[in-house]
Amino acid sequence: MQVRRTHNDLFLFREEVSFMSSPTQMHPTATVEDAKRPRSQARLRPANNGRRIRREKRTLSAMIELHCAQQHGTDALCPDCAQLNRYAHQRLDNCVFGESKASCDDCSAHCYSKTMRSRLIKVMTYSQSRLIRHRPILGLLHWLDRARGGGL
């Protein structure tokens, strides 16, 4: 027999989960690991933290720092660039392709919002050719990733 779930069933399930405060009040389908985590992180997928993603984060940070230093004339990141850097790192943490991701230009699933995507495109367009001069190893690896189509 198949049980049909309705919107109310899902709402009630969310209510049950949100009021659980100790492992003794766990929902029958919850795991012990869910009980140990804070409620805000109980059902989140772990962040991507492989070699490829870490290098991609370093490359993006270097591009944003280069753009901010030369366009905004600051030594440290300005608030707008710091926000863009945090947002880009968050998107990479949640990338559905993980370690096998292609470069963002060739990606089939655009995970950036339209405004952030346009800001990031502006930063990357400015920084890509200059990155090889300022951070040669990251610039070369970024160029190789783009030529290869992503992946390690």
N, C-alpha and C. Protein backbone atom coordinates (compact mmCIF):
# COMPACT_ATOMS: atom_id res chain seq x y z
N MET A 1 0.84 -1.18 0.00
CA MET A 1 0.00 0.00 0.00
C MET A 1 0.88 1.24 0.00
N GLN A 2 0.57 2.16 -0.89
CA GLN A 2 1.37 3.37 -1.01
C GLN A 2 0.70 4.51 -0.23
N VAL A 3 1.49 5.22 0.55
CA VAL A 3 0.98 6.34 1.34
C VAL A 3 1.18 7.61 0.54
N ARG A 4 0.12 8.37 0.40
CA ARG A 4 0.21 9.62 -0.33
C ARG A 4 0.47 10.76 0.65
N ARG A 5 1.54 11.53 0.40
CA ARG A 5 1.88 12.65 1.27
C ARG A 5 1.19 13.91 0.77
N THR A 6 0.66 14.65 1.68
CA THR A 6 0.04 15.92 1.33
C THR A 6 0.88 17.06 1.88
N HIS A 7 0.54 18.25 1.50
CA HIS A 7 1.24 19.43 1.99
C HIS A 7 1.16 19.51 3.51
N ASN A 8 -0.01 19.17 4.08
CA ASN A 8 -0.18 19.21 5.54
C ASN A 8 0.73 18.21 6.23
N ASP A 9 0.90 17.01 5.63
CA ASP A 9 1.79 16.00 6.23
C ASP A 9 3.21 16.54 6.31
N LEU A 10 3.67 17.16 5.23
CA LEU A 10 5.03 17.70 5.22
C LEU A 10 5.17 18.84 6.20
N PHE A 11 4.13 19.66 6.31
CA PHE A 11 4.16 20.77 7.26
C PHE A 11 4.25 20.23 8.68
N LEU A 12 3.45 19.21 8.99
CA LEU A 12 3.47 18.63 10.33
C LEU A 12 4.83 18.00 10.63
N PHE A 13 5.43 17.35 9.62
CA PHE A 13 6.75 16.75 9.81
C PHE A 13 7.77 17.84 10.15
N ARG A 14 7.73 18.97 9.43
CA ARG A 14 8.64 20.06 9.72
C ARG A 14 8.43 20.59 11.13
N GLU A 15 7.17 20.66 11.56
CA GLU A 15 6.87 21.13 12.91
C GLU A 15 7.45 20.16 13.94
N GLU A 16 7.30 18.84 13.69
CA GLU A 16 7.85 17.85 14.62
C GLU A 16 9.36 18.01 14.73
N VAL A 17 10.04 18.14 13.60
CA VAL A 17 11.49 18.24 13.58
C VAL A 17 11.95 19.52 14.27
N SER A 18 11.24 20.63 14.06
CA SER A 18 11.69 21.90 14.61
C SER A 18 11.55 21.96 16.13
N PHE A 19 10.67 21.16 16.72
CA PHE A 19 10.49 21.21 18.17
C PHE A 19 11.34 20.19 18.91
N MET A 20 12.11 19.39 18.18
CA MET A 20 12.95 18.40 18.85
C MET A 20 14.15 19.08 19.47
N SER A 21 14.35 18.86 20.74
CA SER A 21 15.47 19.52 21.40
C SER A 21 16.49 18.55 21.98
N SER A 22 16.16 17.28 22.08
CA SER A 22 17.12 16.31 22.61
C SER A 22 17.01 15.01 21.83
N PRO A 23 18.03 14.15 21.90
CA PRO A 23 17.99 12.89 21.16
C PRO A 23 16.81 12.00 21.55
N THR A 24 16.26 12.15 22.75
CA THR A 24 15.13 11.32 23.15
C THR A 24 13.86 11.73 22.42
N GLN A 25 13.81 12.95 21.87
CA GLN A 25 12.64 13.41 21.15
C GLN A 25 12.83 13.34 19.64
N MET A 26 13.77 12.53 19.19
CA MET A 26 14.09 12.46 17.76
C MET A 26 12.94 11.89 16.96
N HIS A 27 12.84 12.32 15.72
CA HIS A 27 11.89 11.75 14.79
C HIS A 27 12.36 10.34 14.44
N PRO A 28 11.45 9.41 14.16
CA PRO A 28 11.87 8.03 13.88
C PRO A 28 12.86 7.88 12.72
N THR A 29 12.83 8.77 11.73
CA THR A 29 13.74 8.65 10.59
C THR A 29 15.05 9.41 10.79
N ALA A 30 15.18 10.17 11.86
CA ALA A 30 16.40 10.93 12.10
C ALA A 30 17.51 10.00 12.59
N THR A 31 18.74 10.38 12.31
CA THR A 31 19.88 9.57 12.76
C THR A 31 20.49 10.18 14.00
N VAL A 32 21.38 9.44 14.63
CA VAL A 32 22.06 9.93 15.82
C VAL A 32 22.93 11.13 15.46
N GLU A 33 23.54 11.10 14.25
CA GLU A 33 24.37 12.22 13.81
C GLU A 33 23.54 13.50 13.69
N ASP A 34 22.27 13.38 13.24
CA ASP A 34 21.39 14.55 13.16
C ASP A 34 21.17 15.16 14.53
N ALA A 35 21.08 14.33 15.55
CA ALA A 35 20.84 14.84 16.90
C ALA A 35 22.05 15.57 17.45
N LYS A 36 23.25 15.18 17.03
CA LYS A 36 24.46 15.81 17.53
C LYS A 36 24.72 17.16 16.90
N ARG A 37 24.23 17.38 15.69
CA ARG A 37 24.46 18.65 14.99
C ARG A 37 23.47 19.70 15.48
N PRO A 38 23.84 20.98 15.36
CA PRO A 38 22.86 22.04 15.64
C PRO A 38 21.69 21.93 14.68
N ARG A 39 20.52 22.36 15.12
CA ARG A 39 19.32 22.23 14.28
C ARG A 39 19.47 22.90 12.93
N SER A 40 20.18 24.01 12.87
CA SER A 40 20.30 24.74 11.60
C SER A 40 21.11 23.95 10.58
N GLN A 41 21.94 22.99 11.03
CA GLN A 41 22.78 22.23 10.12
C GLN A 41 22.36 20.77 10.02
N ALA A 42 21.28 20.38 10.64
CA ALA A 42 20.92 18.97 10.75
C ALA A 42 20.70 18.30 9.40
N ARG A 43 20.19 18.99 8.42
CA ARG A 43 19.85 18.34 7.17
C ARG A 43 20.67 18.88 5.99
N LEU A 44 21.71 19.65 6.24
CA LEU A 44 22.51 20.21 5.16
C LEU A 44 23.54 19.21 4.67
N ARG A 45 23.81 19.26 3.37
CA ARG A 45 24.86 18.44 2.78
C ARG A 45 26.21 19.01 3.20
N PRO A 46 27.22 18.18 3.44
CA PRO A 46 28.52 18.72 3.83
C PRO A 46 29.12 19.57 2.72
N ALA A 47 29.89 20.56 3.11
CA ALA A 47 30.49 21.48 2.14
C ALA A 47 31.56 20.75 1.31
N ASN A 48 31.67 21.15 0.04
CA ASN A 48 32.73 20.63 -0.82
C ASN A 48 34.06 21.14 -0.29
N ASN A 49 35.01 20.23 -0.10
CA ASN A 49 36.29 20.67 0.43
C ASN A 49 37.44 19.88 -0.18
N GLY A 50 37.29 19.47 -1.42
CA GLY A 50 38.34 18.72 -2.10
C GLY A 50 39.41 19.65 -2.67
N ARG A 51 40.44 19.03 -3.27
CA ARG A 51 41.56 19.80 -3.83
C ARG A 51 41.10 20.79 -4.88
N ARG A 52 40.25 20.36 -5.78
CA ARG A 52 39.80 21.22 -6.88
C ARG A 52 39.04 22.43 -6.36
N ILE A 53 38.14 22.21 -5.43
CA ILE A 53 37.33 23.30 -4.87
C ILE A 53 38.21 24.26 -4.08
N ARG A 54 39.15 23.73 -3.29
CA ARG A 54 40.05 24.61 -2.53
C ARG A 54 40.88 25.49 -3.46
N ARG A 55 41.37 24.90 -4.56
CA ARG A 55 42.15 25.69 -5.52
C ARG A 55 41.27 26.72 -6.23
N GLU A 56 40.06 26.33 -6.55
CA GLU A 56 39.12 27.26 -7.19
C GLU A 56 38.83 28.45 -6.26
N LYS A 57 38.70 28.19 -4.97
CA LYS A 57 38.48 29.26 -3.99
C LYS A 57 39.69 30.19 -3.92
N ARG A 58 40.90 29.60 -3.90
CA ARG A 58 42.11 30.43 -3.88
C ARG A 58 42.20 31.29 -5.14
N THR A 59 41.87 30.71 -6.29
CA THR A 59 41.94 31.45 -7.55
C THR A 59 40.93 32.59 -7.55
N LEU A 60 39.69 32.30 -7.15
CA LEU A 60 38.67 33.36 -7.10
C LEU A 60 39.06 34.46 -6.13
N SER A 61 39.57 34.09 -4.96
CA SER A 61 40.00 35.10 -3.98
C SER A 61 41.11 35.97 -4.55
N ALA A 62 42.07 35.34 -5.24
CA ALA A 62 43.18 36.10 -5.84
C ALA A 62 42.66 37.05 -6.90
N MET A 63 41.70 36.60 -7.71
CA MET A 63 41.13 37.47 -8.75
C MET A 63 40.39 38.65 -8.14
N ILE A 64 39.62 38.38 -7.10
CA ILE A 64 38.85 39.45 -6.46
C ILE A 64 39.79 40.43 -5.77
N GLU A 65 40.83 39.93 -5.10
CA GLU A 65 41.81 40.81 -4.45
C GLU A 65 42.54 41.68 -5.47
N LEU A 66 42.92 41.09 -6.60
CA LEU A 66 43.60 41.84 -7.66
C LEU A 66 42.70 42.93 -8.23
N HIS A 67 41.46 42.58 -8.50
CA HIS A 67 40.49 43.55 -9.03
C HIS A 67 40.26 44.68 -8.04
N CYS A 68 40.08 44.34 -6.77
CA CYS A 68 39.81 45.35 -5.75
C CYS A 68 41.01 46.28 -5.57
N ALA A 69 42.21 45.71 -5.55
CA ALA A 69 43.41 46.53 -5.35
C ALA A 69 43.61 47.50 -6.50
N GLN A 70 43.38 47.04 -7.72
CA GLN A 70 43.67 47.89 -8.87
C GLN A 70 42.50 48.79 -9.28
N GLN A 71 41.28 48.36 -9.03
CA GLN A 71 40.13 49.17 -9.42
C GLN A 71 39.64 50.08 -8.30
N HIS A 72 39.71 49.60 -7.07
CA HIS A 72 39.20 50.39 -5.95
C HIS A 72 40.32 51.04 -5.15
N GLY A 73 41.57 50.67 -5.43
CA GLY A 73 42.72 51.30 -4.78
C GLY A 73 42.84 51.01 -3.30
N THR A 74 42.47 49.82 -2.87
CA THR A 74 42.56 49.47 -1.46
C THR A 74 43.57 48.35 -1.25
N ASP A 75 44.17 48.31 -0.05
CA ASP A 75 45.08 47.21 0.27
C ASP A 75 44.31 45.95 0.65
N ALA A 76 43.28 46.13 1.45
CA ALA A 76 42.41 45.01 1.84
C ALA A 76 41.15 45.05 0.98
N LEU A 77 40.36 44.01 1.06
CA LEU A 77 39.12 43.99 0.28
C LEU A 77 38.13 45.03 0.80
N CYS A 78 37.52 45.75 -0.12
CA CYS A 78 36.45 46.68 0.27
C CYS A 78 35.21 45.85 0.64
N PRO A 79 34.22 46.43 1.29
CA PRO A 79 33.05 45.65 1.72
C PRO A 79 32.32 44.95 0.57
N ASP A 80 32.20 45.61 -0.60
CA ASP A 80 31.52 44.98 -1.73
C ASP A 80 32.29 43.77 -2.24
N CYS A 81 33.60 43.90 -2.34
CA CYS A 81 34.42 42.79 -2.82
C CYS A 81 34.48 41.67 -1.79
N ALA A 82 34.49 42.01 -0.51
CA ALA A 82 34.47 40.99 0.54
C ALA A 82 33.17 40.20 0.49
N GLN A 83 32.06 40.91 0.24
CA GLN A 83 30.76 40.24 0.11
C GLN A 83 30.76 39.30 -1.10
N LEU A 84 31.30 39.76 -2.23
CA LEU A 84 31.38 38.93 -3.42
C LEU A 84 32.26 37.70 -3.17
N ASN A 85 33.36 37.87 -2.46
CA ASN A 85 34.25 36.76 -2.14
C ASN A 85 33.55 35.72 -1.26
N ARG A 86 32.84 36.19 -0.22
CA ARG A 86 32.09 35.26 0.65
C ARG A 86 31.02 34.52 -0.14
N TYR A 87 30.32 35.25 -1.01
CA TYR A 87 29.25 34.64 -1.81
C TYR A 87 29.81 33.58 -2.75
N ALA A 88 30.93 33.88 -3.40
CA ALA A 88 31.55 32.93 -4.33
C ALA A 88 32.02 31.68 -3.59
N HIS A 89 32.58 31.86 -2.40
CA HIS A 89 33.02 30.70 -1.61
C HIS A 89 31.83 29.85 -1.17
N GLN A 90 30.74 30.51 -0.82
CA GLN A 90 29.53 29.78 -0.42
C GLN A 90 28.99 28.97 -1.60
N ARG A 91 28.99 29.56 -2.77
CA ARG A 91 28.51 28.85 -3.96
C ARG A 91 29.40 27.66 -4.28
N LEU A 92 30.71 27.81 -4.13
CA LEU A 92 31.62 26.69 -4.38
C LEU A 92 31.44 25.60 -3.32
N ASP A 93 31.16 25.98 -2.09
CA ASP A 93 30.89 24.99 -1.05
C ASP A 93 29.68 24.13 -1.40
N ASN A 94 28.71 24.72 -2.07
CA ASN A 94 27.47 24.03 -2.38
C ASN A 94 27.37 23.58 -3.84
N CYS A 95 28.46 23.60 -4.57
CA CYS A 95 28.43 23.21 -5.98
C CYS A 95 27.99 21.75 -6.10
N VAL A 96 27.01 21.50 -6.95
CA VAL A 96 26.47 20.15 -7.07
C VAL A 96 27.44 19.21 -7.79
N PHE A 97 28.38 19.74 -8.54
CA PHE A 97 29.31 18.90 -9.29
C PHE A 97 30.55 18.54 -8.47
N GLY A 98 30.81 19.26 -7.39
CA GLY A 98 31.92 18.94 -6.50
C GLY A 98 33.26 18.95 -7.20
N GLU A 99 34.03 17.92 -6.99
CA GLU A 99 35.39 17.84 -7.53
C GLU A 99 35.42 17.70 -9.05
N SER A 100 34.36 17.27 -9.66
CA SER A 100 34.35 17.09 -11.11
C SER A 100 33.80 18.30 -11.85
N LYS A 101 33.72 19.43 -11.16
CA LYS A 101 33.13 20.62 -11.78
C LYS A 101 34.00 21.16 -12.90
N ALA A 102 33.34 21.69 -13.92
CA ALA A 102 34.02 22.40 -14.99
C ALA A 102 34.19 23.85 -14.54
N SER A 103 34.86 24.64 -15.37
CA SER A 103 34.94 26.05 -15.02
C SER A 103 33.54 26.64 -15.07
N CYS A 104 33.32 27.69 -14.31
CA CYS A 104 31.98 28.25 -14.20
C CYS A 104 31.45 28.74 -15.56
N ASP A 105 32.36 29.13 -16.47
CA ASP A 105 31.92 29.56 -17.80
C ASP A 105 31.25 28.43 -18.57
N ASP A 106 31.74 27.21 -18.37
CA ASP A 106 31.24 26.05 -19.12
C ASP A 106 30.19 25.26 -18.35
N CYS A 107 29.81 25.72 -17.18
CA CYS A 107 28.90 24.97 -16.32
C CYS A 107 27.47 24.99 -16.87
N SER A 108 26.78 23.86 -16.70
CA SER A 108 25.40 23.77 -17.19
C SER A 108 24.40 24.29 -16.16
N ALA A 109 24.79 24.35 -14.89
CA ALA A 109 23.90 24.83 -13.83
C ALA A 109 24.49 26.11 -13.24
N HIS A 110 23.90 27.24 -13.56
CA HIS A 110 24.40 28.51 -13.03
C HIS A 110 23.84 28.69 -11.62
N CYS A 111 24.73 28.69 -10.65
CA CYS A 111 24.28 28.76 -9.27
C CYS A 111 24.37 30.17 -8.69
N TYR A 112 24.92 31.12 -9.44
CA TYR A 112 25.03 32.49 -8.97
C TYR A 112 23.76 33.26 -9.35
N SER A 113 23.35 34.19 -8.49
CA SER A 113 22.22 35.06 -8.84
C SER A 113 22.66 35.98 -9.99
N LYS A 114 21.71 36.56 -10.68
CA LYS A 114 22.05 37.38 -11.85
C LYS A 114 22.95 38.56 -11.50
N THR A 115 22.67 39.23 -10.39
CA THR A 115 23.48 40.39 -10.04
C THR A 115 24.89 39.98 -9.65
N MET A 116 25.01 38.91 -8.85
CA MET A 116 26.34 38.45 -8.45
C MET A 116 27.10 37.87 -9.64
N ARG A 117 26.39 37.20 -10.54
CA ARG A 117 27.04 36.65 -11.73
C ARG A 117 27.64 37.76 -12.57
N SER A 118 26.90 38.85 -12.75
CA SER A 118 27.42 39.95 -13.56
C SER A 118 28.62 40.61 -12.88
N ARG A 119 28.58 40.73 -11.54
CA ARG A 119 29.74 41.29 -10.82
C ARG A 119 30.95 40.38 -10.94
N LEU A 120 30.73 39.06 -10.81
CA LEU A 120 31.83 38.12 -10.90
C LEU A 120 32.41 38.06 -12.30
N ILE A 121 31.57 38.14 -13.31
CA ILE A 121 32.06 38.16 -14.70
C ILE A 121 32.93 39.39 -14.93
N LYS A 122 32.51 40.53 -14.39
CA LYS A 122 33.28 41.76 -14.52
C LYS A 122 34.66 41.60 -13.86
N VAL A 123 34.68 41.03 -12.65
CA VAL A 123 35.93 40.82 -11.92
C VAL A 123 36.82 39.83 -12.68
N MET A 124 36.25 38.73 -13.14
CA MET A 124 37.05 37.71 -13.81
C MET A 124 37.57 38.19 -15.16
N THR A 125 36.78 38.95 -15.88
CA THR A 125 37.23 39.49 -17.16
C THR A 125 38.43 40.39 -16.96
N TYR A 126 38.38 41.21 -15.92
CA TYR A 126 39.49 42.11 -15.63
C TYR A 126 40.72 41.33 -15.16
N SER A 127 40.51 40.33 -14.30
CA SER A 127 41.63 39.70 -13.60
C SER A 127 42.29 38.53 -14.32
N GLN A 128 41.58 37.87 -15.23
CA GLN A 128 42.13 36.65 -15.83
C GLN A 128 43.47 36.86 -16.49
N SER A 129 43.59 37.86 -17.32
CA SER A 129 44.85 38.07 -18.02
C SER A 129 45.94 38.61 -17.08
N ARG A 130 45.55 39.30 -16.02
CA ARG A 130 46.53 39.89 -15.10
C ARG A 130 46.96 38.90 -14.01
N LEU A 131 46.17 37.85 -13.81
CA LEU A 131 46.47 36.90 -12.74
C LEU A 131 47.79 36.19 -12.98
N ILE A 132 48.11 35.88 -14.22
CA ILE A 132 49.34 35.15 -14.54
C ILE A 132 50.58 35.96 -14.15
N ARG A 133 50.47 37.27 -14.17
CA ARG A 133 51.60 38.13 -13.78
C ARG A 133 51.74 38.22 -12.26
N HIS A 134 50.61 38.28 -11.56
CA HIS A 134 50.64 38.48 -10.11
C HIS A 134 50.69 37.18 -9.32
N ARG A 135 50.00 36.17 -9.78
CA ARG A 135 49.99 34.84 -9.13
C ARG A 135 50.20 33.79 -10.21
N PRO A 136 51.45 33.60 -10.68
CA PRO A 136 51.70 32.78 -11.87
C PRO A 136 51.21 31.33 -11.76
N ILE A 137 51.39 30.69 -10.62
CA ILE A 137 50.99 29.29 -10.51
C ILE A 137 49.47 29.16 -10.57
N LEU A 138 48.76 29.99 -9.80
CA LEU A 138 47.29 29.96 -9.85
C LEU A 138 46.78 30.33 -11.23
N GLY A 139 47.40 31.33 -11.84
CA GLY A 139 46.99 31.74 -13.19
C GLY A 139 47.18 30.62 -14.20
N LEU A 140 48.31 29.92 -14.13
CA LEU A 140 48.57 28.81 -15.05
C LEU A 140 47.60 27.66 -14.81
N LEU A 141 47.37 27.30 -13.54
CA LEU A 141 46.42 26.23 -13.25
C LEU A 141 45.01 26.58 -13.69
N HIS A 142 44.63 27.84 -13.52
CA HIS A 142 43.31 28.28 -13.97
C HIS A 142 43.20 28.18 -15.49
N TRP A 143 44.25 28.58 -16.18
CA TRP A 143 44.25 28.51 -17.64
C TRP A 143 44.17 27.05 -18.09
N LEU A 144 44.92 26.15 -17.43
CA LEU A 144 44.87 24.74 -17.77
C LEU A 144 43.50 24.12 -17.50
N ASP A 145 42.87 24.50 -16.38
CA ASP A 145 41.53 24.01 -16.08
C ASP A 145 40.53 24.41 -17.15
N ARG A 146 40.62 25.65 -17.59
CA ARG A 146 39.72 26.13 -18.65
C ARG A 146 39.97 25.41 -19.96
N ALA A 147 41.24 25.17 -20.29
CA ALA A 147 41.57 24.48 -21.54
C ALA A 147 41.13 23.02 -21.49
N ARG A 148 41.23 22.40 -20.32
CA ARG A 148 40.85 21.01 -20.15
C ARG A 148 39.35 20.82 -20.00
N GLY A 149 38.67 21.86 -19.59
CA GLY A 149 37.22 21.76 -19.37
C GLY A 149 36.90 21.38 -17.94
N GLY A 150 37.81 21.56 -17.01
CA GLY A 150 37.54 21.30 -15.58
C GLY A 150 38.10 19.98 -15.15
N GLY A 151 37.81 19.63 -13.91
CA GLY A 151 38.29 18.38 -13.32
C GLY A 151 39.78 18.38 -13.08
N LEU A 152 40.27 17.42 -12.32
CA LEU A 152 41.70 17.31 -12.04
C LEU A 152 42.37 16.42 -13.04
